[in-house]
Amino acid sequence: MKKIKDYDDNCPIDDTLKLISKKWVIFIIRDIFLGKKQFSEFLEEKTLSNRVLTDTLKFMEDNDLITKQVFENDIKTEYSLTQKGFNLNKILYNMLEYGLNEVNSGNLSEKQKEELLNEYEVLFKIND
């Protein structure tokens, strides 16, 4: 039987981290789950430049996390999750759980934590 250290050159955890650790990727995925679809919506409440957002969206497209659809004579562009991007839903939910339970993000009450977990469980379609 192989041991974990025997897989060091082909570590699925490392591969996943390489994919989602690029700055802004996880936030854009979260934003798409929240209903954002357009370039300008991804810029809201963030301190990233148009260039950084363009590069990040291109990285996400190249890695099959999102698709880009252009409408109305190249005037309107929308982004959506691919199945591969959607499949990060459980990772995002687990990050939320960890943040609430282990980091105590925002010092929320137990009731607020439960409400937030329930909202994100529906949003991320955890039990579907």
N, C-alpha and C. Protein backbone atom coordinates (compact mmCIF):
# COMPACT_ATOMS: atom_id res chain seq x y z
N MET A 1 0.84 -1.18 0.00
CA MET A 1 0.00 0.00 0.00
C MET A 1 0.89 1.25 0.00
N LYS A 2 0.56 2.20 -0.87
CA LYS A 2 1.32 3.45 -0.94
C LYS A 2 0.97 4.34 0.25
N LYS A 3 1.94 5.11 0.69
CA LYS A 3 1.74 6.07 1.76
C LYS A 3 1.55 7.45 1.16
N ILE A 4 0.97 8.33 1.94
CA ILE A 4 0.70 9.68 1.46
C ILE A 4 1.95 10.33 0.89
N LYS A 5 3.08 10.19 1.54
CA LYS A 5 4.31 10.82 1.07
C LYS A 5 4.74 10.32 -0.31
N ASP A 6 4.28 9.13 -0.70
CA ASP A 6 4.60 8.60 -2.02
C ASP A 6 3.88 9.36 -3.14
N TYR A 7 2.90 10.18 -2.78
CA TYR A 7 2.12 10.93 -3.77
C TYR A 7 2.54 12.40 -3.83
N ASP A 8 3.63 12.77 -3.18
CA ASP A 8 4.03 14.17 -3.08
C ASP A 8 4.09 14.88 -4.43
N ASP A 9 4.54 14.21 -5.46
CA ASP A 9 4.64 14.86 -6.77
C ASP A 9 3.30 15.00 -7.46
N ASN A 10 2.29 14.35 -6.96
CA ASN A 10 0.97 14.39 -7.57
C ASN A 10 -0.09 14.50 -6.46
N CYS A 11 -0.01 15.58 -5.70
CA CYS A 11 -0.89 15.75 -4.54
C CYS A 11 -2.17 16.50 -4.94
N PRO A 12 -3.33 15.86 -4.81
CA PRO A 12 -4.58 16.51 -5.18
C PRO A 12 -4.88 17.76 -4.36
N ILE A 13 -4.44 17.78 -3.10
CA ILE A 13 -4.66 18.97 -2.27
C ILE A 13 -3.84 20.13 -2.82
N ASP A 14 -2.60 19.87 -3.16
CA ASP A 14 -1.73 20.90 -3.73
C ASP A 14 -2.30 21.39 -5.06
N ASP A 15 -2.76 20.47 -5.88
CA ASP A 15 -3.34 20.85 -7.18
C ASP A 15 -4.56 21.74 -7.00
N THR A 16 -5.40 21.42 -6.03
CA THR A 16 -6.60 22.22 -5.76
C THR A 16 -6.20 23.60 -5.24
N LEU A 17 -5.24 23.64 -4.33
CA LEU A 17 -4.79 24.93 -3.81
C LEU A 17 -4.21 25.81 -4.90
N LYS A 18 -3.47 25.23 -5.83
CA LYS A 18 -2.92 26.00 -6.94
C LYS A 18 -4.04 26.63 -7.76
N LEU A 19 -5.13 25.93 -7.88
CA LEU A 19 -6.26 26.41 -8.67
C LEU A 19 -7.01 27.54 -7.97
N ILE A 20 -7.24 27.41 -6.68
CA ILE A 20 -8.10 28.39 -5.99
C ILE A 20 -7.34 29.43 -5.18
N SER A 21 -6.02 29.29 -5.06
CA SER A 21 -5.29 30.24 -4.23
C SER A 21 -4.89 31.51 -4.98
N LYS A 22 -5.05 31.52 -6.28
CA LYS A 22 -4.79 32.76 -7.02
C LYS A 22 -5.74 33.82 -6.48
N LYS A 23 -5.16 34.96 -6.16
CA LYS A 23 -5.94 36.02 -5.53
C LYS A 23 -7.20 36.32 -6.34
N TRP A 24 -8.29 36.45 -5.66
CA TRP A 24 -9.62 36.81 -6.15
C TRP A 24 -10.43 35.65 -6.70
N VAL A 25 -9.84 34.51 -7.02
CA VAL A 25 -10.59 33.40 -7.61
C VAL A 25 -11.73 32.97 -6.70
N ILE A 26 -11.45 32.72 -5.45
CA ILE A 26 -12.48 32.20 -4.54
C ILE A 26 -13.58 33.25 -4.32
N PHE A 27 -13.20 34.53 -4.33
CA PHE A 27 -14.19 35.59 -4.15
C PHE A 27 -15.11 35.71 -5.36
N ILE A 28 -14.56 35.54 -6.55
CA ILE A 28 -15.38 35.60 -7.76
C ILE A 28 -16.32 34.40 -7.81
N ILE A 29 -15.84 33.24 -7.43
CA ILE A 29 -16.72 32.06 -7.40
C ILE A 29 -17.86 32.30 -6.41
N ARG A 30 -17.52 32.81 -5.22
CA ARG A 30 -18.55 33.14 -4.23
C ARG A 30 -19.54 34.15 -4.81
N ASP A 31 -19.03 35.18 -5.49
CA ASP A 31 -19.89 36.19 -6.08
C ASP A 31 -20.84 35.61 -7.12
N ILE A 32 -20.36 34.66 -7.90
CA ILE A 32 -21.24 34.03 -8.90
C ILE A 32 -22.34 33.25 -8.19
N PHE A 33 -22.00 32.54 -7.12
CA PHE A 33 -23.04 31.87 -6.33
C PHE A 33 -24.04 32.89 -5.79
N LEU A 34 -23.57 34.10 -5.46
CA LEU A 34 -24.45 35.15 -4.94
C LEU A 34 -25.26 35.84 -6.03
N GLY A 35 -25.05 35.46 -7.29
CA GLY A 35 -25.85 35.99 -8.38
C GLY A 35 -25.16 37.01 -9.27
N LYS A 36 -23.93 37.34 -8.98
CA LYS A 36 -23.21 38.29 -9.83
C LYS A 36 -22.77 37.57 -11.10
N LYS A 37 -22.84 38.30 -12.22
CA LYS A 37 -22.52 37.68 -13.51
C LYS A 37 -21.64 38.56 -14.39
N GLN A 38 -21.64 39.84 -14.12
CA GLN A 38 -20.98 40.78 -15.03
C GLN A 38 -19.70 41.36 -14.42
N PHE A 39 -18.81 41.76 -15.30
CA PHE A 39 -17.52 42.31 -14.92
C PHE A 39 -17.66 43.39 -13.86
N SER A 40 -18.53 44.35 -14.10
CA SER A 40 -18.69 45.47 -13.16
C SER A 40 -19.17 45.01 -11.79
N GLU A 41 -19.97 43.95 -11.75
CA GLU A 41 -20.45 43.44 -10.47
C GLU A 41 -19.32 42.82 -9.65
N PHE A 42 -18.36 42.21 -10.32
CA PHE A 42 -17.22 41.62 -9.61
C PHE A 42 -16.32 42.68 -8.99
N LEU A 43 -16.35 43.89 -9.54
CA LEU A 43 -15.52 44.97 -9.01
C LEU A 43 -16.11 45.60 -7.75
N GLU A 44 -17.42 45.43 -7.55
CA GLU A 44 -18.09 46.05 -6.40
C GLU A 44 -17.46 45.58 -5.09
N GLU A 45 -17.21 46.53 -4.22
CA GLU A 45 -16.72 46.24 -2.86
C GLU A 45 -15.36 45.55 -2.85
N LYS A 46 -14.60 45.66 -3.90
CA LYS A 46 -13.27 45.05 -3.94
C LYS A 46 -12.26 46.11 -4.37
N THR A 47 -11.04 45.91 -4.01
CA THR A 47 -9.98 46.84 -4.38
C THR A 47 -9.06 46.21 -5.41
N LEU A 48 -9.64 45.78 -6.51
CA LEU A 48 -8.83 45.23 -7.59
C LEU A 48 -9.04 46.05 -8.84
N SER A 49 -8.03 46.08 -9.68
CA SER A 49 -8.09 46.87 -10.90
C SER A 49 -8.79 46.08 -11.99
N ASN A 50 -9.18 46.80 -13.04
CA ASN A 50 -9.78 46.13 -14.20
C ASN A 50 -8.83 45.10 -14.78
N ARG A 51 -7.56 45.42 -14.81
CA ARG A 51 -6.55 44.52 -15.38
C ARG A 51 -6.43 43.23 -14.56
N VAL A 52 -6.40 43.37 -13.24
CA VAL A 52 -6.30 42.19 -12.38
C VAL A 52 -7.55 41.33 -12.53
N LEU A 53 -8.71 41.97 -12.59
CA LEU A 53 -9.94 41.21 -12.76
C LEU A 53 -9.95 40.51 -14.11
N THR A 54 -9.54 41.19 -15.16
CA THR A 54 -9.47 40.58 -16.49
C THR A 54 -8.55 39.36 -16.48
N ASP A 55 -7.37 39.52 -15.88
CA ASP A 55 -6.42 38.40 -15.81
C ASP A 55 -6.98 37.23 -15.00
N THR A 56 -7.67 37.54 -13.89
CA THR A 56 -8.23 36.50 -13.05
C THR A 56 -9.35 35.76 -13.76
N LEU A 57 -10.23 36.49 -14.42
CA LEU A 57 -11.32 35.85 -15.18
C LEU A 57 -10.76 34.97 -16.29
N LYS A 58 -9.71 35.43 -16.95
CA LYS A 58 -9.08 34.64 -18.01
C LYS A 58 -8.47 33.36 -17.43
N PHE A 59 -7.79 33.48 -16.28
CA PHE A 59 -7.23 32.31 -15.59
C PHE A 59 -8.35 31.32 -15.26
N MET A 60 -9.46 31.83 -14.78
CA MET A 60 -10.58 30.96 -14.41
C MET A 60 -11.19 30.29 -15.63
N GLU A 61 -11.28 31.02 -16.73
CA GLU A 61 -11.77 30.41 -17.98
C GLU A 61 -10.81 29.33 -18.47
N ASP A 62 -9.53 29.66 -18.49
CA ASP A 62 -8.51 28.72 -18.96
C ASP A 62 -8.48 27.44 -18.13
N ASN A 63 -8.89 27.54 -16.87
CA ASN A 63 -8.89 26.38 -15.98
C ASN A 63 -10.28 25.78 -15.80
N ASP A 64 -11.19 26.16 -16.69
CA ASP A 64 -12.53 25.57 -16.76
C ASP A 64 -13.35 25.73 -15.47
N LEU A 65 -13.15 26.86 -14.78
CA LEU A 65 -13.97 27.15 -13.61
C LEU A 65 -15.21 27.97 -13.99
N ILE A 66 -15.07 28.79 -15.03
CA ILE A 66 -16.17 29.64 -15.48
C ILE A 66 -16.24 29.61 -17.01
N THR A 67 -17.39 30.03 -17.51
CA THR A 67 -17.54 30.27 -18.94
C THR A 67 -17.97 31.72 -19.13
N LYS A 68 -17.65 32.23 -20.28
CA LYS A 68 -17.97 33.61 -20.64
C LYS A 68 -18.93 33.57 -21.81
N GLN A 69 -20.00 34.33 -21.69
CA GLN A 69 -20.98 34.39 -22.77
C GLN A 69 -21.18 35.86 -23.14
N VAL A 70 -21.06 36.16 -24.43
CA VAL A 70 -21.19 37.52 -24.92
C VAL A 70 -22.54 37.65 -25.62
N PHE A 71 -23.27 38.73 -25.29
CA PHE A 71 -24.60 38.98 -25.83
C PHE A 71 -24.64 40.33 -26.55
N GLU A 72 -25.71 40.55 -27.28
CA GLU A 72 -26.07 41.84 -27.86
C GLU A 72 -24.90 42.56 -28.53
N ASN A 73 -24.43 41.98 -29.60
CA ASN A 73 -23.36 42.60 -30.40
C ASN A 73 -22.13 42.96 -29.56
N ASP A 74 -21.70 42.04 -28.73
CA ASP A 74 -20.50 42.21 -27.90
C ASP A 74 -20.62 43.32 -26.85
N ILE A 75 -21.84 43.72 -26.52
CA ILE A 75 -22.02 44.79 -25.53
C ILE A 75 -22.13 44.23 -24.11
N LYS A 76 -22.81 43.13 -23.95
CA LYS A 76 -23.03 42.56 -22.63
C LYS A 76 -22.33 41.21 -22.52
N THR A 77 -21.58 41.04 -21.44
CA THR A 77 -20.86 39.80 -21.18
C THR A 77 -21.25 39.27 -19.81
N GLU A 78 -21.53 37.97 -19.74
CA GLU A 78 -21.85 37.34 -18.47
C GLU A 78 -20.96 36.13 -18.24
N TYR A 79 -20.65 35.91 -16.98
CA TYR A 79 -19.83 34.77 -16.58
C TYR A 79 -20.68 33.83 -15.74
N SER A 80 -20.45 32.55 -15.90
CA SER A 80 -21.16 31.56 -15.09
C SER A 80 -20.21 30.42 -14.76
N LEU A 81 -20.57 29.69 -13.73
CA LEU A 81 -19.74 28.57 -13.29
C LEU A 81 -19.90 27.38 -14.23
N THR A 82 -18.82 26.72 -14.48
CA THR A 82 -18.87 25.41 -15.13
C THR A 82 -19.19 24.39 -14.03
N GLN A 83 -19.35 23.15 -14.40
CA GLN A 83 -19.57 22.12 -13.38
C GLN A 83 -18.36 22.04 -12.46
N LYS A 84 -17.18 22.17 -13.03
CA LYS A 84 -15.95 22.14 -12.23
C LYS A 84 -15.93 23.29 -11.23
N GLY A 85 -16.35 24.46 -11.66
CA GLY A 85 -16.42 25.61 -10.75
C GLY A 85 -17.50 25.43 -9.70
N PHE A 86 -18.65 24.93 -10.12
CA PHE A 86 -19.75 24.69 -9.18
C PHE A 86 -19.35 23.69 -8.11
N ASN A 87 -18.55 22.71 -8.49
CA ASN A 87 -18.15 21.66 -7.55
C ASN A 87 -17.27 22.17 -6.42
N LEU A 88 -16.90 23.43 -6.45
CA LEU A 88 -16.20 24.04 -5.32
C LEU A 88 -17.17 24.46 -4.21
N ASN A 89 -18.45 24.24 -4.43
CA ASN A 89 -19.47 24.66 -3.46
C ASN A 89 -19.22 24.09 -2.07
N LYS A 90 -18.85 22.85 -1.97
CA LYS A 90 -18.64 22.23 -0.66
C LYS A 90 -17.37 22.78 0.01
N ILE A 91 -16.37 23.08 -0.78
CA ILE A 91 -15.15 23.68 -0.23
C ILE A 91 -15.48 25.04 0.36
N LEU A 92 -16.24 25.85 -0.39
CA LEU A 92 -16.63 27.16 0.10
C LEU A 92 -17.46 27.05 1.38
N TYR A 93 -18.39 26.12 1.38
CA TYR A 93 -19.24 25.93 2.56
C TYR A 93 -18.39 25.50 3.75
N ASN A 94 -17.46 24.59 3.53
CA ASN A 94 -16.59 24.14 4.62
C ASN A 94 -15.69 25.27 5.11
N MET A 95 -15.26 26.16 4.22
CA MET A 95 -14.48 27.32 4.63
C MET A 95 -15.33 28.24 5.51
N LEU A 96 -16.59 28.41 5.13
CA LEU A 96 -17.51 29.21 5.93
C LEU A 96 -17.68 28.60 7.32
N GLU A 97 -17.93 27.30 7.37
CA GLU A 97 -18.08 26.60 8.64
C GLU A 97 -16.84 26.75 9.51
N TYR A 98 -15.69 26.54 8.90
CA TYR A 98 -14.44 26.65 9.64
C TYR A 98 -14.26 28.07 10.18
N GLY A 99 -14.51 29.05 9.34
CA GLY A 99 -14.38 30.44 9.76
C GLY A 99 -15.29 30.79 10.91
N LEU A 100 -16.52 30.29 10.86
CA LEU A 100 -17.47 30.57 11.93
C LEU A 100 -17.13 29.83 13.22
N ASN A 101 -16.71 28.59 13.09
CA ASN A 101 -16.50 27.76 14.28
C ASN A 101 -15.10 27.83 14.86
N GLU A 102 -14.10 28.03 14.01
CA GLU A 102 -12.73 27.99 14.49
C GLU A 102 -12.06 29.37 14.55
N VAL A 103 -12.49 30.27 13.69
CA VAL A 103 -11.89 31.60 13.66
C VAL A 103 -12.84 32.61 14.31
N ASN A 104 -14.12 32.23 14.36
CA ASN A 104 -15.18 33.08 14.92
C ASN A 104 -15.25 34.41 14.19
N SER A 105 -15.34 34.35 12.90
CA SER A 105 -15.41 35.54 12.06
C SER A 105 -16.52 36.47 12.52
N GLY A 106 -16.15 37.69 12.83
CA GLY A 106 -17.13 38.71 13.18
C GLY A 106 -17.77 38.55 14.54
N ASN A 107 -17.33 37.57 15.32
CA ASN A 107 -17.90 37.35 16.65
C ASN A 107 -19.42 37.29 16.63
N LEU A 108 -19.96 36.50 15.73
CA LEU A 108 -21.40 36.36 15.60
C LEU A 108 -21.96 35.48 16.71
N SER A 109 -23.23 35.70 17.02
CA SER A 109 -23.90 34.86 18.00
C SER A 109 -24.14 33.48 17.39
N GLU A 110 -24.44 32.51 18.21
CA GLU A 110 -24.72 31.16 17.71
C GLU A 110 -25.92 31.17 16.76
N LYS A 111 -26.92 31.97 17.08
CA LYS A 111 -28.09 32.08 16.21
C LYS A 111 -27.71 32.67 14.85
N GLN A 112 -26.88 33.70 14.85
CA GLN A 112 -26.45 34.32 13.59
C GLN A 112 -25.61 33.35 12.77
N LYS A 113 -24.74 32.60 13.44
CA LYS A 113 -23.94 31.60 12.74
C LYS A 113 -24.84 30.56 12.07
N GLU A 114 -25.83 30.09 12.81
CA GLU A 114 -26.75 29.08 12.27
C GLU A 114 -27.51 29.63 11.08
N GLU A 115 -27.99 30.87 11.18
CA GLU A 115 -28.72 31.49 10.07
C GLU A 115 -27.83 31.62 8.84
N LEU A 116 -26.59 32.05 9.06
CA LEU A 116 -25.66 32.22 7.95
C LEU A 116 -25.34 30.87 7.29
N LEU A 117 -25.12 29.86 8.10
CA LEU A 117 -24.87 28.52 7.57
C LEU A 117 -26.06 28.03 6.76
N ASN A 118 -27.26 28.25 7.26
CA ASN A 118 -28.47 27.83 6.53
C ASN A 118 -28.61 28.56 5.20
N GLU A 119 -28.35 29.87 5.20
CA GLU A 119 -28.43 30.64 3.95
C GLU A 119 -27.44 30.13 2.92
N TYR A 120 -26.21 29.90 3.36
CA TYR A 120 -25.19 29.44 2.42
C TYR A 120 -25.40 27.98 2.01
N GLU A 121 -26.01 27.19 2.86
CA GLU A 121 -26.31 25.80 2.50
C GLU A 121 -27.26 25.79 1.30
N VAL A 122 -28.24 26.69 1.32
CA VAL A 122 -29.18 26.82 0.19
C VAL A 122 -28.46 27.42 -1.01
N LEU A 123 -27.73 28.50 -0.79
CA LEU A 123 -27.03 29.19 -1.87
C LEU A 123 -26.06 28.28 -2.60
N PHE A 124 -25.29 27.50 -1.86
CA PHE A 124 -24.31 26.59 -2.45
C PHE A 124 -24.88 25.25 -2.85
N LYS A 125 -26.18 25.08 -2.61
CA LYS A 125 -26.88 23.83 -2.97
C LYS A 125 -26.17 22.60 -2.40
N ILE A 126 -25.92 22.65 -1.12
CA ILE A 126 -25.14 21.61 -0.44
C ILE A 126 -25.89 20.29 -0.39
N ASN A 127 -27.17 20.30 -0.18
CA ASN A 127 -27.92 19.04 -0.03
C ASN A 127 -28.68 18.63 -1.30
N ASP A 128 -28.36 19.26 -2.40
CA ASP A 128 -29.05 18.88 -3.67
C ASP A 128 -28.43 17.66 -4.30
